[in-house]
Amino acid sequence: MNNLKVVFRAEYVDVDTGEFITKEVSEDELVSMLVWKDTKRRRKLIKHFLGEKIMVFQEILRKATKELKNDELKVFNYMLGIMDFENWINIPQKEIAKEIGFDERRVRRALKGLKEKGYIEVYRKGRGNYYRINPEIAWKGDEKSHLKIIRGRNPLID
């Protein structure tokens, strides 16, 4: 029997020194590194060095690269970059088009494809839309809120 130990490479910024650190860690260490205490000080430091922090699931990114059309992938990546806490995005299609250099029709088609493939959810409010990245793909917020959302979608998760 093969007793291979799985080792991960973790890359992060030390919030006290601002130094970029790379080190090999076990799966247990990796999990503990991903769960960080959300203090105002740390949040400000992390935002200062890296921008806002989001969690994205690698398997989905590989799937998206193969499954999504180029326009869908570009719109999806832009949305990941601007999503607010708990994955909410409130931006007109016209502004998305301007930011990524598409016409509105291309953005509309890409959003439709992303919705049909389950990458985003679309909520109508008044004359505009609110978008939400599927929380099973990425998450911006605390772990407790993420688990609550995921449990609401899948009762098999404890």
C-alpha atoms as a PDB file:
ATOM      1  CA  MET A   1       0.000   0.000   0.000  1.00  0.00           C
ATOM      2  CA  ASN A   2       1.261   3.448  -0.928  1.00  0.00           C
ATOM      3  CA  ASN A   3       1.330   5.938   1.948  1.00  0.00           C
ATOM      4  CA  LEU A   4       1.842   9.109  -0.017  1.00  0.00           C
ATOM      5  CA  LYS A   5       1.558  12.322   1.926  1.00  0.00           C
ATOM      6  CA  VAL A   6      -0.179  15.097   0.027  1.00  0.00           C
ATOM      7  CA  VAL A   7       1.625  18.415   0.323  1.00  0.00           C
ATOM      8  CA  PHE A   8       0.293  21.764  -0.884  1.00  0.00           C
ATOM      9  CA  ARG A   9       2.156  24.952  -1.666  1.00  0.00           C
ATOM     10  CA  ALA A  10       0.589  27.908   0.102  1.00  0.00           C
ATOM     11  CA  GLU A  11       1.294  31.484  -0.951  1.00  0.00           C
ATOM     12  CA  TYR A  12       0.170  34.352   1.220  1.00  0.00           C
ATOM     13  CA  VAL A  13       1.036  37.788   2.520  1.00  0.00           C
ATOM     14  CA  ASP A  14       2.090  38.102   6.140  1.00  0.00           C
ATOM     15  CA  VAL A  15      -0.315  40.784   7.384  1.00  0.00           C
ATOM     16  CA  ASP A  16       2.152  42.081   9.967  1.00  0.00           C
ATOM     17  CA  THR A  17       5.187  42.534   7.703  1.00  0.00           C
ATOM     18  CA  GLY A  18       3.600  42.665   4.230  1.00  0.00           C
ATOM     19  CA  GLU A  19       6.094  40.011   3.128  1.00  0.00           C
ATOM     20  CA  PHE A  20       5.009  37.505   0.448  1.00  0.00           C
ATOM     21  CA  ILE A  21       5.556  33.956   1.773  1.00  0.00           C
ATOM     22  CA  THR A  22       5.558  30.599  -0.029  1.00  0.00           C
ATOM     23  CA  LYS A  23       5.721  27.367   1.951  1.00  0.00           C
ATOM     24  CA  GLU A  24       4.714  23.725   1.737  1.00  0.00           C
ATOM     25  CA  VAL A  25       1.887  22.745   4.066  1.00  0.00           C
ATOM     26  CA  SER A  26      -0.187  19.670   4.840  1.00  0.00           C
ATOM     27  CA  GLU A  27      -3.902  19.551   4.085  1.00  0.00           C
ATOM     28  CA  ASP A  28      -4.733  20.291   7.752  1.00  0.00           C
ATOM     29  CA  GLU A  29      -2.473  23.346   7.788  1.00  0.00           C
ATOM     30  CA  LEU A  30      -3.958  24.544   4.502  1.00  0.00           C
ATOM     31  CA  VAL A  31      -7.497  24.389   5.873  1.00  0.00           C
ATOM     32  CA  SER A  32      -6.491  26.317   8.974  1.00  0.00           C
ATOM     33  CA  MET A  33      -4.753  28.932   6.807  1.00  0.00           C
ATOM     34  CA  LEU A  34      -7.897  29.465   4.730  1.00  0.00           C
ATOM     35  CA  VAL A  35      -9.985  30.186   7.819  1.00  0.00           C
ATOM     36  CA  TRP A  36      -8.736  33.534   9.026  1.00  0.00           C
ATOM     37  CA  LYS A  37     -10.111  35.709  11.755  1.00  0.00           C
ATOM     38  CA  ASP A  38     -11.955  38.664  10.257  1.00  0.00           C
ATOM     39  CA  THR A  39     -10.629  41.527  12.355  1.00  0.00           C
ATOM     40  CA  LYS A  40     -10.782  45.060  11.039  1.00  0.00           C
ATOM     41  CA  ARG A  41      -6.999  45.383  11.230  1.00  0.00           C
ATOM     42  CA  ARG A  42      -6.279  42.257   9.200  1.00  0.00           C
ATOM     43  CA  ARG A  43      -8.979  43.046   6.715  1.00  0.00           C
ATOM     44  CA  LYS A  44      -7.537  46.506   6.098  1.00  0.00           C
ATOM     45  CA  LEU A  45      -4.017  45.114   5.732  1.00  0.00           C
ATOM     46  CA  ILE A  46      -5.092  42.366   3.344  1.00  0.00           C
ATOM     47  CA  LYS A  47      -7.136  44.858   1.320  1.00  0.00           C
ATOM     48  CA  HIS A  48      -4.145  47.202   1.255  1.00  0.00           C
ATOM     49  CA  PHE A  49      -1.751  44.562  -0.094  1.00  0.00           C
ATOM     50  CA  LEU A  50      -3.961  42.421  -2.285  1.00  0.00           C
ATOM     51  CA  GLY A  51      -7.358  44.022  -2.712  1.00  0.00           C
ATOM     52  CA  GLU A  52     -10.397  42.208  -1.379  1.00  0.00           C
ATOM     53  CA  LYS A  53     -10.120  38.479  -0.630  1.00  0.00           C
ATOM     54  CA  ILE A  54     -12.327  35.874  -2.289  1.00  0.00           C
ATOM     55  CA  MET A  55     -12.341  32.097  -2.164  1.00  0.00           C
ATOM     56  CA  VAL A  56     -12.565  30.320  -5.532  1.00  0.00           C
ATOM     57  CA  PHE A  57     -12.768  26.575  -5.962  1.00  0.00           C
ATOM     58  CA  GLN A  58     -10.066  25.282  -8.325  1.00  0.00           C
ATOM     59  CA  GLU A  59     -12.031  22.373  -9.789  1.00  0.00           C
ATOM     60  CA  ILE A  60     -14.704  24.789 -10.977  1.00  0.00           C
ATOM     61  CA  LEU A  61     -12.107  27.070 -12.575  1.00  0.00           C
ATOM     62  CA  ARG A  62     -10.745  24.145 -14.605  1.00  0.00           C
ATOM     63  CA  LYS A  63     -14.296  23.228 -15.613  1.00  0.00           C
ATOM     64  CA  ALA A  64     -15.116  26.850 -16.523  1.00  0.00           C
ATOM     65  CA  THR A  65     -12.036  27.120 -18.727  1.00  0.00           C
ATOM     66  CA  LYS A  66     -13.245  24.153 -20.761  1.00  0.00           C
ATOM     67  CA  GLU A  67     -17.003  24.787 -20.604  1.00  0.00           C
ATOM     68  CA  LEU A  68     -17.416  28.542 -21.048  1.00  0.00           C
ATOM     69  CA  LYS A  69     -17.132  30.431 -24.312  1.00  0.00           C
ATOM     70  CA  ASN A  70     -14.480  33.165 -24.450  1.00  0.00           C
ATOM     71  CA  ASP A  71     -16.990  36.013 -23.952  1.00  0.00           C
ATOM     72  CA  GLU A  72     -18.641  34.190 -21.033  1.00  0.00           C
ATOM     73  CA  LEU A  73     -15.269  33.546 -19.417  1.00  0.00           C
ATOM     74  CA  LYS A  74     -14.221  37.182 -19.751  1.00  0.00           C
ATOM     75  CA  VAL A  75     -17.506  38.471 -18.271  1.00  0.00           C
ATOM     76  CA  PHE A  76     -17.358  35.861 -15.496  1.00  0.00           C
ATOM     77  CA  ASN A  77     -13.792  36.821 -14.556  1.00  0.00           C
ATOM     78  CA  TYR A  78     -14.747  40.499 -14.517  1.00  0.00           C
ATOM     79  CA  MET A  79     -17.711  39.706 -12.257  1.00  0.00           C
ATOM     80  CA  LEU A  80     -15.455  37.729  -9.894  1.00  0.00           C
ATOM     81  CA  GLY A  81     -13.248  40.798  -9.683  1.00  0.00           C
ATOM     82  CA  ILE A  82     -16.044  43.181  -8.708  1.00  0.00           C
ATOM     83  CA  MET A  83     -18.400  41.029  -6.642  1.00  0.00           C
ATOM     84  CA  ASP A  84     -19.359  42.343  -3.222  1.00  0.00           C
ATOM     85  CA  PHE A  85     -19.816  40.387  -0.005  1.00  0.00           C
ATOM     86  CA  GLU A  86     -21.953  37.269  -0.274  1.00  0.00           C
ATOM     87  CA  ASN A  87     -21.310  37.375  -4.041  1.00  0.00           C
ATOM     88  CA  TRP A  88     -23.698  40.205  -4.930  1.00  0.00           C
ATOM     89  CA  ILE A  89     -23.057  42.322  -8.005  1.00  0.00           C
ATOM     90  CA  ASN A  90     -25.114  45.382  -8.875  1.00  0.00           C
ATOM     91  CA  ILE A  91     -23.810  46.815 -12.129  1.00  0.00           C
ATOM     92  CA  PRO A  92     -25.606  47.682 -15.375  1.00  0.00           C
ATOM     93  CA  GLN A  93     -24.764  45.595 -18.439  1.00  0.00           C
ATOM     94  CA  LYS A  94     -23.760  48.821 -20.153  1.00  0.00           C
ATOM     95  CA  GLU A  95     -21.020  49.403 -17.569  1.00  0.00           C
ATOM     96  CA  ILE A  96     -19.741  45.808 -17.855  1.00  0.00           C
ATOM     97  CA  ALA A  97     -19.566  46.271 -21.630  1.00  0.00           C
ATOM     98  CA  LYS A  98     -17.617  49.511 -21.259  1.00  0.00           C
ATOM     99  CA  GLU A  99     -15.178  48.037 -18.735  1.00  0.00           C
ATOM    100  CA  ILE A 100     -14.264  44.972 -20.814  1.00  0.00           C
ATOM    101  CA  GLY A 101     -14.577  46.496 -24.277  1.00  0.00           C
ATOM    102  CA  PHE A 102     -17.667  44.609 -25.474  1.00  0.00           C
ATOM    103  CA  ASP A 103     -20.913  45.888 -26.898  1.00  0.00           C
ATOM    104  CA  GLU A 104     -24.012  45.379 -24.744  1.00  0.00           C
ATOM    105  CA  ARG A 105     -25.334  42.571 -26.951  1.00  0.00           C
ATOM    106  CA  ARG A 106     -22.181  40.485 -26.333  1.00  0.00           C
ATOM    107  CA  VAL A 107     -22.475  41.058 -22.584  1.00  0.00           C
ATOM    108  CA  ARG A 108     -26.172  40.136 -22.615  1.00  0.00           C
ATOM    109  CA  ARG A 109     -25.402  36.872 -24.484  1.00  0.00           C
ATOM    110  CA  ALA A 110     -22.536  36.050 -22.125  1.00  0.00           C
ATOM    111  CA  LEU A 111     -24.699  36.667 -19.039  1.00  0.00           C
ATOM    112  CA  LYS A 112     -27.446  34.481 -20.496  1.00  0.00           C
ATOM    113  CA  GLY A 113     -24.932  31.671 -21.064  1.00  0.00           C
ATOM    114  CA  LEU A 114     -23.501  32.045 -17.556  1.00  0.00           C
ATOM    115  CA  LYS A 115     -27.000  31.867 -16.075  1.00  0.00           C
ATOM    116  CA  GLU A 116     -27.980  28.809 -18.142  1.00  0.00           C
ATOM    117  CA  LYS A 117     -24.780  27.003 -17.136  1.00  0.00           C
ATOM    118  CA  GLY A 118     -25.291  27.799 -13.436  1.00  0.00           C
ATOM    119  CA  TYR A 119     -22.355  30.145 -12.916  1.00  0.00           C
ATOM    120  CA  ILE A 120     -24.488  33.134 -11.946  1.00  0.00           C
ATOM    121  CA  GLU A 121     -27.960  33.833 -10.635  1.00  0.00           C
ATOM    122  CA  VAL A 122     -29.953  36.825 -11.869  1.00  0.00           C
ATOM    123  CA  TYR A 123     -32.455  38.696  -9.704  1.00  0.00           C
ATOM    124  CA  ARG A 124     -34.676  41.394 -11.175  1.00  0.00           C
ATOM    125  CA  LYS A 125     -35.246  44.487  -9.034  1.00  0.00           C
ATOM    126  CA  GLY A 126     -37.095  47.418 -10.512  1.00  0.00           C
ATOM    127  CA  ARG A 127     -35.598  48.193 -13.904  1.00  0.00           C
ATOM    128  CA  GLY A 128     -32.224  46.626 -13.124  1.00  0.00           C
ATOM    129  CA  ASN A 129     -30.682  43.280 -12.360  1.00  0.00           C
ATOM    130  CA  TYR A 130     -28.707  42.045  -9.407  1.00  0.00           C
ATOM    131  CA  TYR A 131     -26.297  39.235 -10.148  1.00  0.00           C
ATOM    132  CA  ARG A 132     -24.851  36.685  -7.799  1.00  0.00           C
ATOM    133  CA  ILE A 133     -21.947  34.347  -8.478  1.00  0.00           C
ATOM    134  CA  ASN A 134     -22.955  30.791  -7.589  1.00  0.00           C
ATOM    135  CA  PRO A 135     -21.587  30.296  -4.027  1.00  0.00           C
ATOM    136  CA  GLU A 136     -20.507  26.769  -4.929  1.00  0.00           C
ATOM    137  CA  ILE A 137     -18.016  28.330  -7.366  1.00  0.00           C
ATOM    138  CA  ALA A 138     -16.613  31.241  -5.358  1.00  0.00           C
ATOM    139  CA  TRP A 139     -17.325  33.090  -2.129  1.00  0.00           C
ATOM    140  CA  LYS A 140     -16.634  36.513  -0.704  1.00  0.00           C
ATOM    141  CA  GLY A 141     -17.550  36.711   2.942  1.00  0.00           C
ATOM    142  CA  ASP A 142     -17.194  34.783   6.137  1.00  0.00           C
ATOM    143  CA  GLU A 143     -17.248  31.004   6.386  1.00  0.00           C
ATOM    144  CA  LYS A 144     -20.378  30.912   8.560  1.00  0.00           C
ATOM    145  CA  SER A 145     -22.446  32.762   5.946  1.00  0.00           C
ATOM    146  CA  HIS A 146     -21.037  30.563   3.191  1.00  0.00           C
ATOM    147  CA  LEU A 147     -22.000  27.366   5.007  1.00  0.00           C
ATOM    148  CA  LYS A 148     -25.492  28.734   5.659  1.00  0.00           C
ATOM    149  CA  ILE A 149     -25.999  29.483   1.953  1.00  0.00           C
ATOM    150  CA  ILE A 150     -24.556  26.127   0.847  1.00  0.00           C
ATOM    151  CA  ARG A 151     -26.656  24.190   3.378  1.00  0.00           C
ATOM    152  CA  GLY A 152     -29.761  25.924   2.059  1.00  0.00           C
ATOM    153  CA  ARG A 153     -28.920  24.599  -1.411  1.00  0.00           C
ATOM    154  CA  ASN A 154     -27.840  21.104  -0.426  1.00  0.00           C
ATOM    155  CA  PRO A 155     -29.386  19.452   2.662  1.00  0.00           C
ATOM    156  CA  LEU A 156     -26.743  16.667   2.547  1.00  0.00           C
ATOM    157  CA  ILE A 157     -24.050  19.064   3.807  1.00  0.00           C
ATOM    158  CA  ASP A 158     -23.754  19.109   7.622  1.00  0.00           C
END
